[in-house]
Protein backbone atom coordinates (compact mmCIF):
# COMPACT_ATOMS: atom_id res chain seq x y z
CA UNK A 1 29.06 3.54 -1.65
CA UNK A 2 26.06 5.77 -2.37
CA UNK A 3 22.35 5.03 -1.90
CA UNK A 4 21.65 3.86 -5.43
CA UNK A 5 24.49 1.33 -5.28
CA UNK A 6 23.32 -0.35 -2.10
CA UNK A 7 21.72 -3.68 -2.84
CA UNK A 8 18.52 -4.68 -1.06
CA UNK A 9 20.01 -8.02 -0.01
CA UNK A 10 23.03 -6.29 1.42
CA UNK A 11 20.81 -4.04 3.59
CA UNK A 12 18.70 -7.02 4.66
CA UNK A 13 21.77 -8.78 5.89
CA UNK A 14 22.87 -5.70 7.74
CA UNK A 15 19.48 -5.53 9.47
CA UNK A 16 19.76 -9.23 10.47
CA UNK A 17 23.12 -8.49 12.11
CA UNK A 18 21.65 -5.83 14.36
CA UNK A 19 21.36 -6.99 17.95
CA UNK A 20 19.43 -3.97 19.21
CA UNK A 21 17.88 -0.69 18.08
CA UNK A 22 21.05 1.31 18.65
CA UNK A 23 22.90 -1.12 16.44
CA UNK A 24 20.28 -0.58 13.71
CA UNK A 25 20.66 3.21 13.98
CA UNK A 26 24.46 2.99 13.67
CA UNK A 27 24.70 0.23 11.10
CA UNK A 28 21.73 0.85 8.78
CA UNK A 29 20.23 4.32 9.10
CA UNK A 30 23.26 6.24 7.78
CA UNK A 31 23.08 4.17 4.56
CA UNK A 32 19.49 5.12 3.82
CA UNK A 33 17.44 8.19 2.98
CA UNK A 34 13.96 8.81 4.27
CA UNK A 35 11.00 8.44 1.98
CA UNK A 36 10.41 12.21 2.12
CA UNK A 37 13.93 12.92 0.87
CA UNK A 38 13.41 10.55 -2.04
CA UNK A 39 10.04 12.07 -2.89
CA UNK A 40 11.34 15.65 -2.81
CA UNK A 41 14.05 14.75 -5.32
CA UNK A 42 11.56 12.89 -7.54
CA UNK A 43 8.85 15.54 -7.83
CA UNK A 44 11.43 18.31 -8.45
CA UNK A 45 12.90 16.16 -11.20
CA UNK A 46 9.48 15.71 -12.83
CA UNK A 47 8.80 19.45 -12.86
CA UNK A 48 12.26 20.21 -14.30
CA UNK A 49 12.26 17.43 -16.89
CA UNK A 50 8.78 18.31 -18.23
CA UNK A 51 9.40 22.06 -18.18
CA UNK A 52 6.34 22.79 -16.02
CA UNK A 53 5.89 25.79 -13.82
CA UNK A 54 4.66 24.76 -10.38
CA UNK A 55 1.32 26.45 -11.16
CA UNK A 56 0.86 24.48 -14.37
CA UNK A 57 1.83 21.21 -12.70
CA UNK A 58 -0.66 21.92 -9.91
CA UNK A 59 -3.40 22.60 -12.48
CA UNK A 60 -2.70 19.32 -14.29
CA UNK A 61 -2.74 17.34 -11.03
CA UNK A 62 -5.94 19.01 -9.81
CA UNK A 63 -4.32 20.45 -6.66
CA UNK A 64 -3.26 23.86 -5.39
CA UNK A 65 0.10 25.50 -6.00
CA UNK A 66 0.64 25.30 -2.22
CA UNK A 67 0.36 21.50 -2.41
CA UNK A 68 3.04 21.32 -5.11
CA UNK A 69 5.31 23.58 -3.00
CA UNK A 70 4.90 21.15 -0.11
CA UNK A 71 5.69 18.16 -2.34
CA UNK A 72 8.88 19.84 -3.49
CA UNK A 73 9.95 20.17 0.13
CA UNK A 74 9.25 16.48 0.81
CA UNK A 75 5.61 16.38 1.92
CA UNK A 76 3.96 13.25 0.55
CA UNK A 77 0.65 13.32 -1.33
CA UNK A 78 -2.10 12.01 0.96
CA UNK A 79 -3.67 9.35 -1.20
CA UNK A 80 -3.13 6.97 -4.11
CA UNK A 81 -5.35 8.95 -6.46
CA UNK A 82 -3.01 11.96 -6.24
CA UNK A 83 0.02 9.84 -7.11
CA UNK A 84 -1.94 8.57 -10.17
CA UNK A 85 -2.72 12.13 -11.24
CA UNK A 86 0.96 13.09 -10.85
CA UNK A 87 2.01 10.14 -13.04
CA UNK A 88 -0.62 10.97 -15.69
CA UNK A 89 0.29 14.69 -15.63
CA UNK A 90 3.93 13.72 -16.13
CA UNK A 91 2.97 11.75 -19.22
CA UNK A 92 4.34 8.56 -17.74
CA UNK A 93 4.04 5.15 -19.33
CA UNK A 94 2.18 2.40 -17.47
CA UNK A 95 5.48 1.02 -16.19
CA UNK A 96 6.62 4.39 -14.81
CA UNK A 97 3.26 5.14 -13.20
CA UNK A 98 3.46 1.79 -11.38
CA UNK A 99 6.99 2.60 -10.23
CA UNK A 100 5.76 5.95 -8.93
CA UNK A 101 2.93 4.30 -7.03
CA UNK A 102 5.03 1.54 -5.51
CA UNK A 103 8.37 3.19 -4.80
CA UNK A 104 7.29 6.68 -3.79
CA UNK A 105 3.69 6.31 -2.71
CA UNK A 106 4.04 2.76 -1.37
CA UNK A 107 0.67 1.91 -2.94
CA UNK A 108 -0.35 -1.01 -5.13
CA UNK A 109 0.54 -0.94 -8.80
CA UNK A 110 -2.34 -0.37 -11.20
CA UNK A 111 -4.48 -3.51 -11.20
CA UNK A 112 -6.72 -4.22 -14.18
CA UNK A 113 -9.28 -6.09 -12.03
CA UNK A 114 -10.05 -2.83 -10.16
CA UNK A 115 -12.62 -0.61 -11.91
CA UNK A 116 -10.85 2.76 -11.46
CA UNK A 117 -7.46 1.24 -12.27
CA UNK A 118 -8.86 -0.39 -15.39
CA UNK A 119 -9.93 3.03 -16.67
CA UNK A 120 -6.57 4.55 -15.69
CA UNK A 121 -4.67 1.84 -17.57
CA UNK A 122 -6.83 2.50 -20.63
CA UNK A 123 -6.19 6.25 -20.74
CA UNK A 124 -2.46 5.87 -20.06
CA UNK A 125 -2.09 3.38 -22.91
CA UNK A 126 -4.11 5.55 -25.32
CA UNK A 127 -2.01 8.68 -24.88
CA UNK A 128 -4.23 11.72 -24.18
CA UNK A 129 -1.24 13.96 -23.41
CA UNK A 130 -1.91 16.79 -20.95
CA UNK A 131 -5.64 15.89 -21.06
CA UNK A 132 -4.98 12.42 -19.58
CA UNK A 133 -6.12 13.29 -16.04
CA UNK A 134 -9.26 15.07 -17.23
CA UNK A 135 -10.04 12.19 -19.63
CA UNK A 136 -9.54 9.62 -16.91
CA UNK A 137 -12.01 11.36 -14.59
CA UNK A 138 -14.53 11.91 -17.38
CA UNK A 139 -14.54 8.26 -18.49
CA UNK A 140 -14.61 6.93 -14.93
CA UNK A 141 -17.55 9.11 -13.91
CA UNK A 142 -19.45 8.16 -17.04
CA UNK A 143 -18.93 4.46 -16.43
CA UNK A 144 -19.87 4.68 -12.74
CA UNK A 145 -23.12 6.43 -13.70
CA UNK A 146 -24.05 3.87 -16.37
CA UNK A 147 -22.88 0.58 -14.86
CA UNK A 148 -25.39 -1.43 -12.87
CA UNK A 149 -23.87 -4.09 -10.67
CA UNK A 150 -25.39 -7.52 -11.06
CA UNK A 151 -24.83 -9.52 -7.84
CA UNK A 152 -25.99 -12.63 -9.68
CA UNK A 153 -23.39 -12.31 -12.41
CA UNK A 154 -21.05 -15.21 -13.02
CA UNK A 155 -17.86 -15.04 -10.97
CA UNK A 156 -15.00 -14.39 -13.36
CA UNK A 157 -12.33 -14.56 -10.69
CA UNK A 158 -10.80 -17.63 -12.33
CA UNK A 159 -9.49 -15.48 -15.18
CA UNK A 160 -5.82 -14.80 -14.54
CA UNK A 161 -4.65 -11.21 -14.28
CA UNK A 162 -2.38 -11.76 -17.28
CA UNK A 163 -5.32 -12.82 -19.44
CA UNK A 164 -7.44 -9.97 -18.11
CA UNK A 165 -4.64 -7.50 -18.91
CA UNK A 166 -4.45 -8.91 -22.44
CA UNK A 167 -8.22 -8.47 -22.92
CA UNK A 168 -8.04 -4.88 -21.71
CA UNK A 169 -5.17 -4.14 -24.10
CA UNK A 170 -7.52 -5.08 -27.01
CA UNK A 171 -10.05 -2.37 -26.05
CA UNK A 172 -9.92 0.29 -28.77
CA UNK A 173 -12.29 3.09 -27.66
CA UNK A 174 -14.48 4.32 -24.81
CA UNK A 175 -17.58 2.45 -25.93
CA UNK A 176 -15.64 -0.82 -25.96
CA UNK A 177 -14.17 0.01 -22.59
CA UNK A 178 -17.69 0.52 -21.12
CA UNK A 179 -18.87 -2.82 -22.58
CA UNK A 180 -15.71 -4.53 -21.29
CA UNK A 181 -16.36 -3.28 -17.77
CA UNK A 182 -20.06 -4.20 -17.89
CA UNK A 183 -19.18 -7.72 -19.04
CA UNK A 184 -16.68 -8.15 -16.19
CA UNK A 185 -18.45 -6.39 -13.33
CA UNK A 186 -18.14 -9.45 -11.06
CA UNK A 187 -14.37 -9.33 -11.46
CA UNK A 188 -14.21 -5.74 -10.24
CA UNK A 189 -16.38 -6.58 -7.25
CA UNK A 190 -13.88 -9.22 -6.05
CA UNK A 191 -10.57 -7.42 -6.67
CA UNK A 192 -9.12 -8.08 -3.20
CA UNK A 193 -10.99 -11.19 -2.07
CA UNK A 194 -7.80 -13.25 -1.87
CA UNK A 195 -6.24 -10.68 0.48
CA UNK A 196 -9.14 -10.79 2.88
CA UNK A 197 -9.28 -14.55 2.78
CA UNK A 198 -5.61 -14.61 3.77
CA UNK A 199 -6.23 -12.19 6.63
CA UNK A 200 -9.02 -14.45 7.92
CA UNK A 201 -6.75 -17.45 7.74
CA UNK A 202 -4.11 -15.69 9.80
CA UNK A 203 -6.75 -14.72 12.37
CA UNK A 204 -7.92 -18.33 12.63
CA UNK A 205 -4.32 -19.45 13.11
CA UNK A 206 -3.14 -16.82 15.60
CA UNK A 207 -6.29 -16.61 17.71
CA UNK A 208 -6.95 -20.31 18.38
CA UNK A 209 -7.17 -20.14 22.18
CA UNK A 210 -10.70 -20.41 23.66
CA UNK A 211 -10.31 -17.06 25.41
CA UNK A 212 -9.77 -15.38 22.05
CA UNK A 213 -12.00 -14.88 19.02
CA UNK A 214 -11.86 -15.33 15.27
CA UNK A 215 -14.01 -12.21 14.77
CA UNK A 216 -12.06 -9.34 13.22
CA UNK A 217 -14.25 -6.80 14.93
CA UNK A 218 -13.99 -8.38 18.36
CA UNK A 219 -10.20 -8.42 17.99
CA UNK A 220 -10.31 -4.74 16.99
CA UNK A 221 -12.29 -3.98 20.15
CA UNK A 222 -9.88 -5.94 22.39
CA UNK A 223 -6.81 -4.26 20.89
CA UNK A 224 -8.29 -0.79 20.67
CA UNK A 225 -7.77 -0.40 16.90
CA UNK A 226 -7.99 3.09 15.44
CA UNK A 227 -11.14 4.00 13.51
CA UNK A 228 -9.21 4.18 10.21
CA UNK A 229 -7.84 0.65 10.67
CA UNK A 230 -11.33 -0.66 11.49
CA UNK A 231 -12.68 1.07 8.39
CA UNK A 232 -10.05 -0.49 6.15
CA UNK A 233 -10.96 -3.98 7.38
CA UNK A 234 -14.65 -3.24 6.89
CA UNK A 235 -13.90 -2.05 3.37
CA UNK A 236 -12.02 -5.29 2.64
CA UNK A 237 -15.09 -7.26 3.64
CA UNK A 238 -17.19 -5.20 1.20
CA UNK A 239 -14.67 -5.68 -1.62
CA UNK A 240 -14.06 -1.96 -2.07
CA UNK A 241 -10.74 -1.33 -0.34
CA UNK A 242 -7.72 0.20 -2.03
CA UNK A 243 -5.17 -0.95 0.53
CA UNK A 244 -2.38 1.36 1.49
CA UNK A 245 0.97 -0.11 2.26
CA UNK A 246 1.16 1.21 5.81
CA UNK A 247 -2.32 -0.07 6.57
CA UNK A 248 -1.25 -3.58 5.48
CA UNK A 249 1.87 -3.47 7.58
CA UNK A 250 -0.10 -2.16 10.55
CA UNK A 251 -2.66 -4.90 10.11
CA UNK A 252 0.17 -7.47 10.06
CA UNK A 253 1.54 -6.19 13.36
CA UNK A 254 -1.89 -6.20 14.96
CA UNK A 255 -2.43 -9.83 13.88
CA UNK A 256 1.04 -10.96 15.01
CA UNK A 257 2.24 -11.88 11.52
CA UNK A 258 5.87 -12.69 10.82
CA UNK A 259 7.96 -11.16 8.02
CA UNK A 260 6.99 -13.83 5.48
CA UNK A 261 3.27 -13.46 6.24
CA UNK A 262 3.33 -9.69 5.89
CA UNK A 263 5.18 -10.04 2.58
CA UNK A 264 2.50 -12.48 1.43
CA UNK A 265 -0.24 -10.04 2.37
CA UNK A 266 1.55 -7.30 0.44
CA UNK A 267 1.82 -9.61 -2.57
CA UNK A 268 -1.94 -10.29 -2.43
CA UNK A 269 -2.51 -6.58 -2.44
CA UNK A 270 -0.28 -6.37 -5.58
CA UNK A 271 2.61 -4.68 -3.78
CA UNK A 272 6.31 -5.40 -3.42
CA UNK A 273 7.58 -7.06 -0.23
CA UNK A 274 8.97 -5.11 2.73
CA UNK A 275 11.86 -3.01 1.40
CA UNK A 276 15.15 -2.98 3.32
CA UNK A 277 16.19 0.20 1.47
CA UNK A 278 13.27 2.16 2.92
CA UNK A 279 14.43 3.48 6.31
CA UNK A 280 10.99 3.08 7.93
CA UNK A 281 10.50 -0.45 6.61
CA UNK A 282 13.99 -1.36 7.71
CA UNK A 283 12.77 -0.71 11.26
CA UNK A 284 9.71 -2.90 10.67
CA UNK A 285 12.00 -5.69 9.42
CA UNK A 286 14.20 -5.27 12.54
CA UNK A 287 11.13 -5.48 14.79
CA UNK A 288 9.93 -8.68 13.10
CA UNK A 289 13.39 -10.23 13.19
CA UNK A 290 13.92 -9.40 16.82
CA UNK A 291 10.39 -10.48 17.78
CA UNK A 292 11.03 -13.82 16.11
CA UNK A 293 14.30 -14.29 18.01
CA UNK A 294 12.45 -13.53 21.25
CA UNK A 295 9.82 -16.17 20.37
CA UNK A 296 7.00 -13.60 20.34
CA UNK A 297 5.63 -15.09 17.11
CA UNK A 298 5.71 -18.80 18.06
CA UNK A 299 2.02 -19.71 18.30
CA UNK A 300 2.92 -23.14 19.81
CA UNK A 301 4.54 -21.65 22.96
CA UNK A 302 2.46 -21.78 26.13
CA UNK A 303 2.96 -18.09 26.83
CA UNK A 304 2.16 -16.94 23.30
CA UNK A 305 0.14 -13.73 23.20
CA UNK A 306 -0.76 -12.38 19.73
CA UNK A 307 -0.94 -8.85 21.12
CA UNK A 308 2.73 -8.77 22.15
CA UNK A 309 4.08 -7.94 18.70
CA UNK A 310 1.88 -4.83 18.40
CA UNK A 311 2.92 -3.61 21.84
CA UNK A 312 6.63 -4.22 21.09
CA UNK A 313 6.39 -2.43 17.72
CA UNK A 314 4.88 0.60 19.36
CA UNK A 315 7.66 0.70 21.97
CA UNK A 316 10.36 0.65 19.29
CA UNK A 317 8.66 3.12 16.95
CA UNK A 318 7.95 5.62 19.76
CA UNK A 319 11.66 5.77 20.50
CA UNK A 320 12.50 6.92 16.92
CA UNK A 321 12.48 10.36 15.30
CA UNK A 322 11.52 9.49 11.74
CA UNK A 323 9.03 11.48 9.59
CA UNK A 324 7.30 8.27 8.47
CA UNK A 325 6.61 7.03 12.00
CA UNK A 326 4.13 9.69 13.12
CA UNK A 327 1.25 8.70 10.82
CA UNK A 328 1.91 5.01 11.10
CA UNK A 329 2.09 4.89 14.87
CA UNK A 330 -1.38 6.39 15.17
CA UNK A 331 -2.62 3.00 13.92
CA UNK A 332 -1.07 1.20 16.89
CA UNK A 333 -2.99 1.17 20.21
CA UNK A 334 -1.53 2.65 23.34
CA UNK A 335 -0.31 -0.27 25.46
CA UNK A 336 -2.54 0.65 28.38
CA UNK A 337 -5.55 1.05 26.07
CA UNK A 338 -5.13 -2.29 24.32
CA UNK A 339 -6.60 -4.32 27.19
């Protein structure tokens, strides 16, 4: 059975059968490829299918030829914006750009209630060819310069995403797009408010003891969060965060979330749930399953400590030699520094 034929549910069941980390390595790892392997194959396929030279592809994506060479060898682009540029340079449809973001970049799909994503959806749907990236940046810069945020504007958050998508699809030209955004500025200001509200709810639930605090920033101080993790939470509070998948998973571990809760947080960030077919996320799923079996996540137990999951995750991840672990583990505090 090859990689493409392995069902997600099959892999999930295999993970649940694992009694320890060595069992996971023997039972699951051989069936999966790393994210870098998958990305190398994907970007080489794009270049070949579109007939690009590496220099031309680099030009369209707004990066150096050296960057493209690194991608072809498996190095992942550093941010969501670059994945968007790659999708637009490849002439992808909206559906294929979203697949690129979610599967290979592990970022949220394009979300019409986000200002930059709204512009991106518009240019993708209007077919600017090889000028798509340039057009996207031009329109976005123009709108940012001309839009004035009105903090007293009516909250349009009750408009469903489906209805909002439908309204955006009716926009015919750049002038209409600018008016559409101006009319819905409150919507763009609150793109991820449900995600942060959920994070706050989890904090209130998991940090109920008098000795603990419901303040995100006090928790960050106690646990020794990295500066980048603190910044992402601060950005959530200011309604300007584009959440990365690994940041969300890291936040879930820091806040002692179980598998279901992390999946819900991913959903609120417009992402797919933890993926058993991703070798790194299979480890996260194993950690959560094992932590649950060891009663680390039971808030009703007398010895419950919401910091235990983060410490346990670091212990497991430090024992692995996976390319995806290095950047992620920098978000987890050293055990001795967490107290």
